[in-house]
Amino acid sequence: MYLPLSKQVAIADPFLALVDALGLGTPAGQEGWLAGRSSKQNIQPGARGIWMSALCRRLMVDTGFDPELLKRKGKVIRDLAIERGWDREKFDGFDQQLQDRLSAFYASSNEAFAQEHWGVSWQSLFPARPAVQRVYVGPQSEVDHKEMRALMVRVLRELRFPWRLRRRFFSLYDAAV
């Protein structure tokens, strides 16, 4: 059974499309489905959080410390990102060159698929759009420098990064930023 999942079909939600294709009704009332609860379990830390995380990891390795030894390593920056609202500024490292390579690689199979199942060209359903890369390159003003450095101090404290390595870490941080 083929389920065309796209914004161009009547039922865009994959689960509901499957239920409909199988001829199952959607239960209502007491027998109905429980509503899903939104969660912060899989929230991206945003462009600033990605930048901070990558820089933090790189500097830890440069100091000779193995970041895998830290507790709660992913949670600290993610929680900071949520607190600061960085999670609303999504990171997208997908640049135009990568998008062009990927599109070219799949062009013939995408076209064959669209013709076979929808009877139209892939381009008519999914017109090419320019890549819009969203990355944070680091603090650009003195105020941002101070804020990001203070936040990095907080992150290292919450990660319980060894005191003996912090001076070296921040000398590397200041040189990188």
N, C-alpha and C. Protein backbone atom coordinates (compact mmCIF):
# COMPACT_ATOMS: atom_id res chain seq x y z
N MET A 1 0.85 -1.17 0.00
CA MET A 1 0.00 0.00 0.00
C MET A 1 0.90 1.23 0.00
N TYR A 2 0.58 2.16 -0.86
CA TYR A 2 1.35 3.40 -0.97
C TYR A 2 0.56 4.54 -0.33
N LEU A 3 1.17 5.26 0.57
CA LEU A 3 0.54 6.41 1.22
C LEU A 3 1.29 7.67 0.80
N PRO A 4 0.70 8.49 -0.05
CA PRO A 4 1.38 9.71 -0.49
C PRO A 4 1.36 10.77 0.62
N LEU A 5 2.44 10.90 1.31
CA LEU A 5 2.52 11.86 2.42
C LEU A 5 3.12 13.16 1.91
N SER A 6 2.32 14.17 1.84
CA SER A 6 2.76 15.45 1.31
C SER A 6 1.73 16.49 1.71
N LYS A 7 2.08 17.73 1.65
CA LYS A 7 1.13 18.80 1.93
C LYS A 7 0.07 18.90 0.83
N GLN A 8 0.32 18.25 -0.31
CA GLN A 8 -0.61 18.31 -1.43
C GLN A 8 -1.72 17.25 -1.34
N VAL A 9 -1.72 16.40 -0.34
CA VAL A 9 -2.76 15.38 -0.21
C VAL A 9 -3.74 15.79 0.87
N ALA A 10 -4.91 15.16 0.88
CA ALA A 10 -5.98 15.55 1.79
C ALA A 10 -5.58 15.41 3.26
N ILE A 11 -4.90 14.32 3.61
CA ILE A 11 -4.51 14.09 5.01
C ILE A 11 -2.98 14.15 5.09
N ALA A 12 -2.45 15.26 5.56
CA ALA A 12 -1.00 15.46 5.59
C ALA A 12 -0.33 14.78 6.78
N ASP A 13 -1.06 14.54 7.87
CA ASP A 13 -0.48 13.88 9.04
C ASP A 13 -0.25 12.40 8.73
N PRO A 14 0.99 11.91 8.84
CA PRO A 14 1.29 10.52 8.46
C PRO A 14 0.48 9.48 9.22
N PHE A 15 0.29 9.68 10.52
CA PHE A 15 -0.46 8.70 11.30
C PHE A 15 -1.92 8.67 10.87
N LEU A 16 -2.52 9.85 10.74
CA LEU A 16 -3.92 9.90 10.33
C LEU A 16 -4.11 9.37 8.92
N ALA A 17 -3.13 9.59 8.04
CA ALA A 17 -3.21 9.04 6.68
C ALA A 17 -3.19 7.52 6.73
N LEU A 18 -2.36 6.94 7.58
CA LEU A 18 -2.29 5.49 7.73
C LEU A 18 -3.61 4.94 8.27
N VAL A 19 -4.15 5.57 9.31
CA VAL A 19 -5.42 5.13 9.89
C VAL A 19 -6.51 5.16 8.82
N ASP A 20 -6.56 6.23 8.05
CA ASP A 20 -7.56 6.37 6.99
C ASP A 20 -7.37 5.30 5.91
N ALA A 21 -6.11 5.09 5.49
CA ALA A 21 -5.83 4.10 4.44
C ALA A 21 -6.20 2.69 4.88
N LEU A 22 -6.08 2.41 6.17
CA LEU A 22 -6.43 1.09 6.68
C LEU A 22 -7.93 0.96 6.96
N GLY A 23 -8.66 2.05 6.73
CA GLY A 23 -10.10 2.03 6.93
C GLY A 23 -10.51 2.04 8.39
N LEU A 24 -9.64 2.52 9.24
CA LEU A 24 -9.96 2.58 10.66
C LEU A 24 -10.58 3.93 10.98
N GLY A 25 -11.56 3.95 11.83
CA GLY A 25 -12.15 5.21 12.26
C GLY A 25 -11.32 5.82 13.37
N THR A 26 -11.51 7.07 13.58
CA THR A 26 -10.82 7.72 14.69
C THR A 26 -11.77 7.73 15.88
N PRO A 27 -11.45 7.04 16.95
CA PRO A 27 -12.35 6.95 18.09
C PRO A 27 -12.56 8.31 18.74
N ALA A 28 -13.76 8.52 19.24
CA ALA A 28 -14.09 9.79 19.87
C ALA A 28 -14.59 9.54 21.29
N GLY A 29 -14.75 10.60 22.04
CA GLY A 29 -15.30 10.50 23.39
C GLY A 29 -14.39 9.74 24.33
N GLN A 30 -15.00 8.95 25.22
CA GLN A 30 -14.25 8.17 26.20
C GLN A 30 -13.32 7.16 25.55
N GLU A 31 -13.68 6.69 24.37
CA GLU A 31 -12.88 5.71 23.64
C GLU A 31 -11.80 6.38 22.80
N GLY A 32 -11.77 7.68 22.77
CA GLY A 32 -10.86 8.43 21.89
C GLY A 32 -9.40 8.36 22.31
N TRP A 33 -8.57 8.90 21.46
CA TRP A 33 -7.14 8.92 21.73
C TRP A 33 -6.80 10.02 22.71
N LEU A 34 -5.79 9.78 23.50
CA LEU A 34 -5.29 10.82 24.40
C LEU A 34 -4.49 11.81 23.58
N ALA A 35 -4.65 13.06 23.90
CA ALA A 35 -3.88 14.08 23.19
C ALA A 35 -2.41 13.95 23.57
N GLY A 36 -1.54 14.14 22.59
CA GLY A 36 -0.11 14.11 22.87
C GLY A 36 0.29 15.32 23.68
N ARG A 37 1.29 15.15 24.50
CA ARG A 37 1.78 16.27 25.31
C ARG A 37 3.08 16.77 24.71
N SER A 38 3.17 18.07 24.55
CA SER A 38 4.43 18.61 24.06
C SER A 38 5.48 18.43 25.15
N SER A 39 6.71 18.32 24.72
CA SER A 39 7.78 18.03 25.66
C SER A 39 9.01 18.82 25.26
N LYS A 40 9.86 19.04 26.20
CA LYS A 40 11.12 19.71 25.90
C LYS A 40 12.25 18.70 25.77
N GLN A 41 11.91 17.43 25.57
CA GLN A 41 12.92 16.38 25.49
C GLN A 41 13.80 16.48 24.26
N ASN A 42 13.26 16.96 23.15
CA ASN A 42 14.01 16.96 21.91
C ASN A 42 14.11 18.37 21.33
N ILE A 43 14.33 19.34 22.16
CA ILE A 43 14.41 20.72 21.70
C ILE A 43 15.84 21.03 21.28
N GLN A 44 15.96 21.63 20.11
CA GLN A 44 17.25 22.06 19.61
C GLN A 44 17.67 23.31 20.39
N PRO A 45 18.93 23.44 20.75
CA PRO A 45 19.34 24.60 21.54
C PRO A 45 19.51 25.88 20.74
N GLY A 46 19.16 25.88 19.48
CA GLY A 46 19.27 27.08 18.65
C GLY A 46 20.70 27.34 18.21
N ALA A 47 20.84 28.33 17.34
CA ALA A 47 22.16 28.64 16.75
C ALA A 47 23.19 29.00 17.82
N ARG A 48 22.80 29.79 18.82
CA ARG A 48 23.75 30.16 19.88
C ARG A 48 24.14 28.94 20.73
N GLY A 49 23.16 28.11 21.04
CA GLY A 49 23.44 26.91 21.82
C GLY A 49 24.35 25.95 21.09
N ILE A 50 24.12 25.79 19.79
CA ILE A 50 24.99 24.92 18.97
C ILE A 50 26.40 25.48 18.96
N TRP A 51 26.52 26.79 18.78
CA TRP A 51 27.83 27.44 18.79
C TRP A 51 28.53 27.21 20.13
N MET A 52 27.80 27.47 21.23
CA MET A 52 28.39 27.32 22.56
C MET A 52 28.81 25.88 22.82
N SER A 53 27.96 24.96 22.45
CA SER A 53 28.25 23.54 22.67
C SER A 53 29.48 23.09 21.89
N ALA A 54 29.54 23.47 20.61
CA ALA A 54 30.68 23.07 19.78
C ALA A 54 31.98 23.69 20.29
N LEU A 55 31.93 24.97 20.63
CA LEU A 55 33.13 25.64 21.14
C LEU A 55 33.55 25.05 22.49
N CYS A 56 32.60 24.83 23.36
CA CYS A 56 32.89 24.26 24.68
C CYS A 56 33.58 22.90 24.53
N ARG A 57 33.03 22.06 23.69
CA ARG A 57 33.61 20.73 23.48
C ARG A 57 35.03 20.83 22.91
N ARG A 58 35.18 21.68 21.89
CA ARG A 58 36.50 21.83 21.26
C ARG A 58 37.54 22.32 22.26
N LEU A 59 37.17 23.29 23.09
CA LEU A 59 38.13 23.83 24.06
C LEU A 59 38.45 22.82 25.16
N MET A 60 37.48 22.01 25.53
CA MET A 60 37.75 20.97 26.52
C MET A 60 38.77 19.98 25.97
N VAL A 61 38.57 19.58 24.73
CA VAL A 61 39.52 18.66 24.10
C VAL A 61 40.89 19.31 24.00
N ASP A 62 40.92 20.61 23.65
CA ASP A 62 42.19 21.33 23.54
C ASP A 62 42.93 21.44 24.87
N THR A 63 42.18 21.44 25.98
CA THR A 63 42.83 21.48 27.30
C THR A 63 43.30 20.09 27.74
N GLY A 64 42.96 19.07 26.96
CA GLY A 64 43.35 17.71 27.30
C GLY A 64 42.32 16.98 28.15
N PHE A 65 41.12 17.56 28.25
CA PHE A 65 40.06 16.94 29.05
C PHE A 65 39.09 16.20 28.14
N ASP A 66 38.67 15.02 28.54
CA ASP A 66 37.71 14.24 27.77
C ASP A 66 36.29 14.65 28.17
N PRO A 67 35.54 15.33 27.30
CA PRO A 67 34.19 15.78 27.64
C PRO A 67 33.22 14.65 27.97
N GLU A 68 33.53 13.44 27.56
CA GLU A 68 32.66 12.30 27.86
C GLU A 68 32.61 12.00 29.36
N LEU A 69 33.55 12.53 30.13
CA LEU A 69 33.59 12.30 31.57
C LEU A 69 32.60 13.17 32.35
N LEU A 70 32.02 14.15 31.68
CA LEU A 70 31.11 15.08 32.34
C LEU A 70 29.73 14.47 32.55
N LYS A 71 29.07 14.93 33.59
CA LYS A 71 27.69 14.53 33.87
C LYS A 71 26.74 15.55 33.24
N ARG A 72 25.60 15.09 32.79
CA ARG A 72 24.53 15.94 32.25
C ARG A 72 25.02 16.86 31.14
N LYS A 73 25.99 16.43 30.35
CA LYS A 73 26.64 17.34 29.42
C LYS A 73 25.70 17.97 28.40
N GLY A 74 24.75 17.24 27.86
CA GLY A 74 23.84 17.81 26.88
C GLY A 74 22.76 18.67 27.50
N LYS A 75 22.39 18.35 28.71
CA LYS A 75 21.29 19.03 29.37
C LYS A 75 21.62 20.46 29.78
N VAL A 76 22.82 20.72 30.18
CA VAL A 76 23.17 22.03 30.71
C VAL A 76 22.99 23.13 29.66
N ILE A 77 23.58 22.96 28.50
CA ILE A 77 23.47 23.99 27.46
C ILE A 77 22.05 24.03 26.90
N ARG A 78 21.40 22.88 26.78
CA ARG A 78 20.02 22.85 26.28
C ARG A 78 19.10 23.62 27.23
N ASP A 79 19.24 23.40 28.53
CA ASP A 79 18.42 24.12 29.50
C ASP A 79 18.69 25.62 29.48
N LEU A 80 19.96 25.98 29.34
CA LEU A 80 20.32 27.39 29.22
C LEU A 80 19.68 27.99 27.97
N ALA A 81 19.72 27.26 26.88
CA ALA A 81 19.14 27.74 25.62
C ALA A 81 17.64 27.97 25.76
N ILE A 82 16.95 27.06 26.43
CA ILE A 82 15.51 27.21 26.64
C ILE A 82 15.24 28.44 27.53
N GLU A 83 16.02 28.57 28.59
CA GLU A 83 15.88 29.70 29.51
C GLU A 83 16.07 31.03 28.79
N ARG A 84 17.05 31.09 27.89
CA ARG A 84 17.39 32.33 27.19
C ARG A 84 16.56 32.54 25.91
N GLY A 85 15.77 31.54 25.53
CA GLY A 85 14.96 31.67 24.32
C GLY A 85 15.73 31.35 23.04
N TRP A 86 16.93 30.81 23.17
CA TRP A 86 17.74 30.48 21.99
C TRP A 86 17.09 29.38 21.16
N ASP A 87 16.31 28.54 21.81
CA ASP A 87 15.68 27.42 21.10
C ASP A 87 14.70 27.91 20.04
N ARG A 88 14.27 29.16 20.11
CA ARG A 88 13.36 29.71 19.10
C ARG A 88 14.11 30.22 17.87
N GLU A 89 15.44 30.34 17.97
CA GLU A 89 16.28 30.78 16.84
C GLU A 89 16.98 29.54 16.30
N LYS A 90 16.31 28.80 15.46
CA LYS A 90 16.80 27.50 15.00
C LYS A 90 18.13 27.60 14.26
N PHE A 91 18.96 26.60 14.48
CA PHE A 91 20.23 26.45 13.78
C PHE A 91 19.96 25.72 12.47
N ASP A 92 20.57 26.17 11.40
CA ASP A 92 20.48 25.48 10.12
C ASP A 92 21.82 25.66 9.42
N GLY A 93 22.64 24.63 9.46
CA GLY A 93 23.95 24.68 8.83
C GLY A 93 23.93 24.23 7.38
N PHE A 94 22.74 23.98 6.85
CA PHE A 94 22.58 23.47 5.48
C PHE A 94 22.78 24.63 4.51
N ASP A 95 23.94 24.69 3.84
CA ASP A 95 24.22 25.80 2.94
C ASP A 95 23.81 25.46 1.50
N GLN A 96 23.91 26.44 0.62
CA GLN A 96 23.46 26.27 -0.77
C GLN A 96 24.25 25.18 -1.50
N GLN A 97 25.54 25.12 -1.28
CA GLN A 97 26.36 24.11 -1.94
C GLN A 97 25.92 22.69 -1.55
N LEU A 98 25.67 22.48 -0.27
CA LEU A 98 25.21 21.17 0.18
C LEU A 98 23.80 20.86 -0.36
N GLN A 99 22.93 21.85 -0.35
CA GLN A 99 21.58 21.65 -0.89
C GLN A 99 21.65 21.29 -2.38
N ASP A 100 22.49 21.97 -3.13
CA ASP A 100 22.62 21.67 -4.56
C ASP A 100 23.15 20.26 -4.79
N ARG A 101 24.15 19.85 -4.01
CA ARG A 101 24.69 18.49 -4.14
C ARG A 101 23.64 17.43 -3.82
N LEU A 102 22.90 17.65 -2.74
CA LEU A 102 21.87 16.70 -2.34
C LEU A 102 20.74 16.63 -3.37
N SER A 103 20.31 17.78 -3.85
CA SER A 103 19.24 17.82 -4.87
C SER A 103 19.67 17.11 -6.13
N ALA A 104 20.90 17.34 -6.56
CA ALA A 104 21.40 16.69 -7.78
C ALA A 104 21.50 15.18 -7.59
N PHE A 105 21.92 14.75 -6.41
CA PHE A 105 22.07 13.32 -6.15
C PHE A 105 20.73 12.59 -6.25
N TYR A 106 19.66 13.19 -5.73
CA TYR A 106 18.35 12.54 -5.71
C TYR A 106 17.43 12.96 -6.85
N ALA A 107 17.87 13.83 -7.73
CA ALA A 107 16.99 14.39 -8.77
C ALA A 107 16.30 13.33 -9.60
N SER A 108 17.02 12.37 -10.15
CA SER A 108 16.39 11.40 -11.05
C SER A 108 15.42 10.48 -10.30
N SER A 109 15.79 10.02 -9.11
CA SER A 109 14.88 9.14 -8.37
C SER A 109 13.66 9.90 -7.86
N ASN A 110 13.84 11.15 -7.44
CA ASN A 110 12.70 11.95 -7.02
C ASN A 110 11.73 12.18 -8.18
N GLU A 111 12.28 12.47 -9.34
CA GLU A 111 11.43 12.71 -10.52
C GLU A 111 10.67 11.45 -10.90
N ALA A 112 11.35 10.32 -10.92
CA ALA A 112 10.68 9.05 -11.25
C ALA A 112 9.58 8.74 -10.23
N PHE A 113 9.85 8.96 -8.98
CA PHE A 113 8.86 8.72 -7.93
C PHE A 113 7.64 9.61 -8.13
N ALA A 114 7.85 10.91 -8.31
CA ALA A 114 6.74 11.85 -8.47
C ALA A 114 5.90 11.51 -9.70
N GLN A 115 6.55 11.15 -10.79
CA GLN A 115 5.81 10.79 -12.01
C GLN A 115 5.00 9.52 -11.79
N GLU A 116 5.59 8.53 -11.14
CA GLU A 116 4.91 7.25 -10.93
C GLU A 116 3.70 7.38 -10.00
N HIS A 117 3.86 8.10 -8.90
CA HIS A 117 2.82 8.12 -7.89
C HIS A 117 1.88 9.32 -7.95
N TRP A 118 2.34 10.44 -8.46
CA TRP A 118 1.50 11.62 -8.51
C TRP A 118 1.18 12.07 -9.93
N GLY A 119 1.95 11.57 -10.90
CA GLY A 119 1.73 11.95 -12.30
C GLY A 119 2.13 13.37 -12.62
N VAL A 120 2.98 13.94 -11.82
CA VAL A 120 3.49 15.30 -12.05
C VAL A 120 4.98 15.33 -11.74
N SER A 121 5.61 16.40 -12.12
CA SER A 121 7.06 16.50 -11.87
C SER A 121 7.33 16.81 -10.40
N TRP A 122 8.48 16.38 -9.94
CA TRP A 122 8.94 16.66 -8.58
C TRP A 122 9.00 18.17 -8.36
N GLN A 123 9.53 18.89 -9.35
CA GLN A 123 9.68 20.35 -9.24
C GLN A 123 8.34 21.05 -9.05
N SER A 124 7.26 20.52 -9.66
CA SER A 124 5.96 21.18 -9.51
C SER A 124 5.44 21.04 -8.08
N LEU A 125 5.79 19.95 -7.41
CA LEU A 125 5.37 19.75 -6.03
C LEU A 125 6.32 20.41 -5.03
N PHE A 126 7.58 20.35 -5.34
CA PHE A 126 8.60 20.86 -4.43
C PHE A 126 9.56 21.78 -5.19
N PRO A 127 9.10 23.00 -5.49
CA PRO A 127 9.98 23.92 -6.23
C PRO A 127 11.25 24.23 -5.42
N ALA A 128 12.34 24.38 -6.14
CA ALA A 128 13.62 24.67 -5.48
C ALA A 128 13.53 26.01 -4.77
N ARG A 129 14.01 26.02 -3.55
CA ARG A 129 14.09 27.26 -2.78
C ARG A 129 15.54 27.44 -2.35
N PRO A 130 16.00 28.66 -2.30
CA PRO A 130 17.39 28.86 -1.87
C PRO A 130 17.58 28.44 -0.41
N ALA A 131 18.74 27.90 -0.13
CA ALA A 131 19.07 27.53 1.24
C ALA A 131 19.20 28.80 2.07
N VAL A 132 18.67 28.76 3.25
CA VAL A 132 18.79 29.90 4.16
C VAL A 132 19.51 29.40 5.39
N GLN A 133 20.80 29.60 5.39
CA GLN A 133 21.63 29.11 6.49
C GLN A 133 21.46 30.03 7.69
N ARG A 134 21.29 29.43 8.88
CA ARG A 134 21.18 30.20 10.12
C ARG A 134 22.21 29.66 11.10
N VAL A 135 23.29 30.37 11.24
CA VAL A 135 24.33 29.98 12.18
C VAL A 135 24.70 31.20 13.01
N TYR A 136 25.25 30.94 14.16
CA TYR A 136 25.76 32.00 15.04
C TYR A 136 27.27 31.88 14.98
N VAL A 137 27.94 32.96 14.64
CA VAL A 137 29.40 32.91 14.48
C VAL A 137 30.15 33.36 15.73
N GLY A 138 29.41 33.67 16.77
CA GLY A 138 30.05 34.12 18.01
C GLY A 138 29.69 35.56 18.30
N PRO A 139 30.03 36.02 19.49
CA PRO A 139 29.67 37.38 19.89
C PRO A 139 30.34 38.43 19.00
N GLN A 140 29.56 39.45 18.64
CA GLN A 140 30.06 40.49 17.75
C GLN A 140 30.26 41.84 18.44
N SER A 141 29.72 41.99 19.63
CA SER A 141 29.88 43.26 20.35
C SER A 141 30.52 42.97 21.71
N GLU A 142 30.97 44.02 22.36
CA GLU A 142 31.58 43.87 23.68
C GLU A 142 30.56 43.35 24.69
N VAL A 143 29.32 43.82 24.58
CA VAL A 143 28.26 43.36 25.47
C VAL A 143 28.04 41.86 25.28
N ASP A 144 27.97 41.42 24.01
CA ASP A 144 27.79 39.98 23.72
C ASP A 144 28.98 39.17 24.23
N HIS A 145 30.19 39.71 24.06
CA HIS A 145 31.39 39.01 24.55
C HIS A 145 31.27 38.74 26.05
N LYS A 146 30.92 39.78 26.80
CA LYS A 146 30.82 39.65 28.25
C LYS A 146 29.71 38.67 28.63
N GLU A 147 28.57 38.79 27.97
CA GLU A 147 27.44 37.92 28.28
C GLU A 147 27.77 36.45 27.98
N MET A 148 28.32 36.18 26.81
CA MET A 148 28.62 34.80 26.44
C MET A 148 29.71 34.21 27.33
N ARG A 149 30.68 35.03 27.72
CA ARG A 149 31.74 34.54 28.61
C ARG A 149 31.16 34.19 29.98
N ALA A 150 30.28 35.06 30.49
CA ALA A 150 29.64 34.79 31.78
C ALA A 150 28.78 33.53 31.70
N LEU A 151 28.11 33.34 30.60
CA LEU A 151 27.30 32.13 30.43
C LEU A 151 28.18 30.89 30.34
N MET A 152 29.34 31.03 29.71
CA MET A 152 30.26 29.89 29.62
C MET A 152 30.79 29.54 31.01
N VAL A 153 31.04 30.54 31.85
CA VAL A 153 31.45 30.28 33.24
C VAL A 153 30.36 29.47 33.94
N ARG A 154 29.13 29.88 33.76
CA ARG A 154 28.00 29.18 34.37
C ARG A 154 27.91 27.73 33.87
N VAL A 155 28.07 27.54 32.56
CA VAL A 155 28.01 26.20 31.98
C VAL A 155 29.10 25.31 32.57
N LEU A 156 30.33 25.81 32.63
CA LEU A 156 31.43 25.01 33.18
C LEU A 156 31.20 24.65 34.65
N ARG A 157 30.63 25.60 35.40
CA ARG A 157 30.33 25.33 36.80
C ARG A 157 29.28 24.22 36.91
N GLU A 158 28.21 24.33 36.12
CA GLU A 158 27.14 23.32 36.17
C GLU A 158 27.61 21.96 35.65
N LEU A 159 28.56 21.97 34.72
CA LEU A 159 29.11 20.71 34.21
C LEU A 159 30.12 20.10 35.17
N ARG A 160 30.51 20.88 36.17
CA ARG A 160 31.56 20.47 37.12
C ARG A 160 32.88 20.20 36.40
N PHE A 161 33.17 21.09 35.46
CA PHE A 161 34.45 21.03 34.75
C PHE A 161 35.55 21.30 35.76
N PRO A 162 36.64 20.53 35.74
CA PRO A 162 37.69 20.66 36.76
C PRO A 162 38.25 22.08 36.88
N TRP A 163 38.34 22.54 38.13
CA TRP A 163 38.87 23.88 38.42
C TRP A 163 40.26 24.07 37.86
N ARG A 164 41.08 23.04 37.97
CA ARG A 164 42.48 23.17 37.57
C ARG A 164 42.65 23.47 36.07
N LEU A 165 41.60 23.18 35.27
CA LEU A 165 41.68 23.39 33.82
C LEU A 165 40.96 24.65 33.35
N ARG A 166 40.26 25.32 34.26
CA ARG A 166 39.44 26.46 33.84
C ARG A 166 40.25 27.66 33.33
N ARG A 167 41.38 27.94 33.96
CA ARG A 167 42.19 29.08 33.50
C ARG A 167 42.65 28.84 32.06
N ARG A 168 43.12 27.63 31.77
CA ARG A 168 43.55 27.27 30.41
C ARG A 168 42.36 27.32 29.44
N PHE A 169 41.22 26.81 29.88
CA PHE A 169 40.01 26.82 29.05
C PHE A 169 39.68 28.25 28.64
N PHE A 170 39.67 29.18 29.61
CA PHE A 170 39.28 30.55 29.29
C PHE A 170 40.34 31.32 28.53
N SER A 171 41.58 30.96 28.65
CA SER A 171 42.59 31.60 27.79
C SER A 171 42.35 31.15 26.34
N LEU A 172 42.01 29.88 26.15
CA LEU A 172 41.66 29.39 24.81
C LEU A 172 40.36 30.01 24.31
N TYR A 173 39.39 30.16 25.21
CA TYR A 173 38.10 30.78 24.86
C TYR A 173 38.31 32.20 24.38
N ASP A 174 39.07 32.98 25.16
CA ASP A 174 39.30 34.38 24.79
C ASP A 174 40.04 34.50 23.45
N ALA A 175 40.95 33.58 23.19
CA ALA A 175 41.66 33.61 21.91
C ALA A 175 40.74 33.24 20.75
N ALA A 176 39.82 32.32 21.00
CA ALA A 176 38.90 31.87 19.94
C ALA A 176 37.83 32.89 19.65
N VAL A 177 37.40 33.60 20.68
CA VAL A 177 36.31 34.56 20.51
C VAL A 177 36.88 35.94 20.28
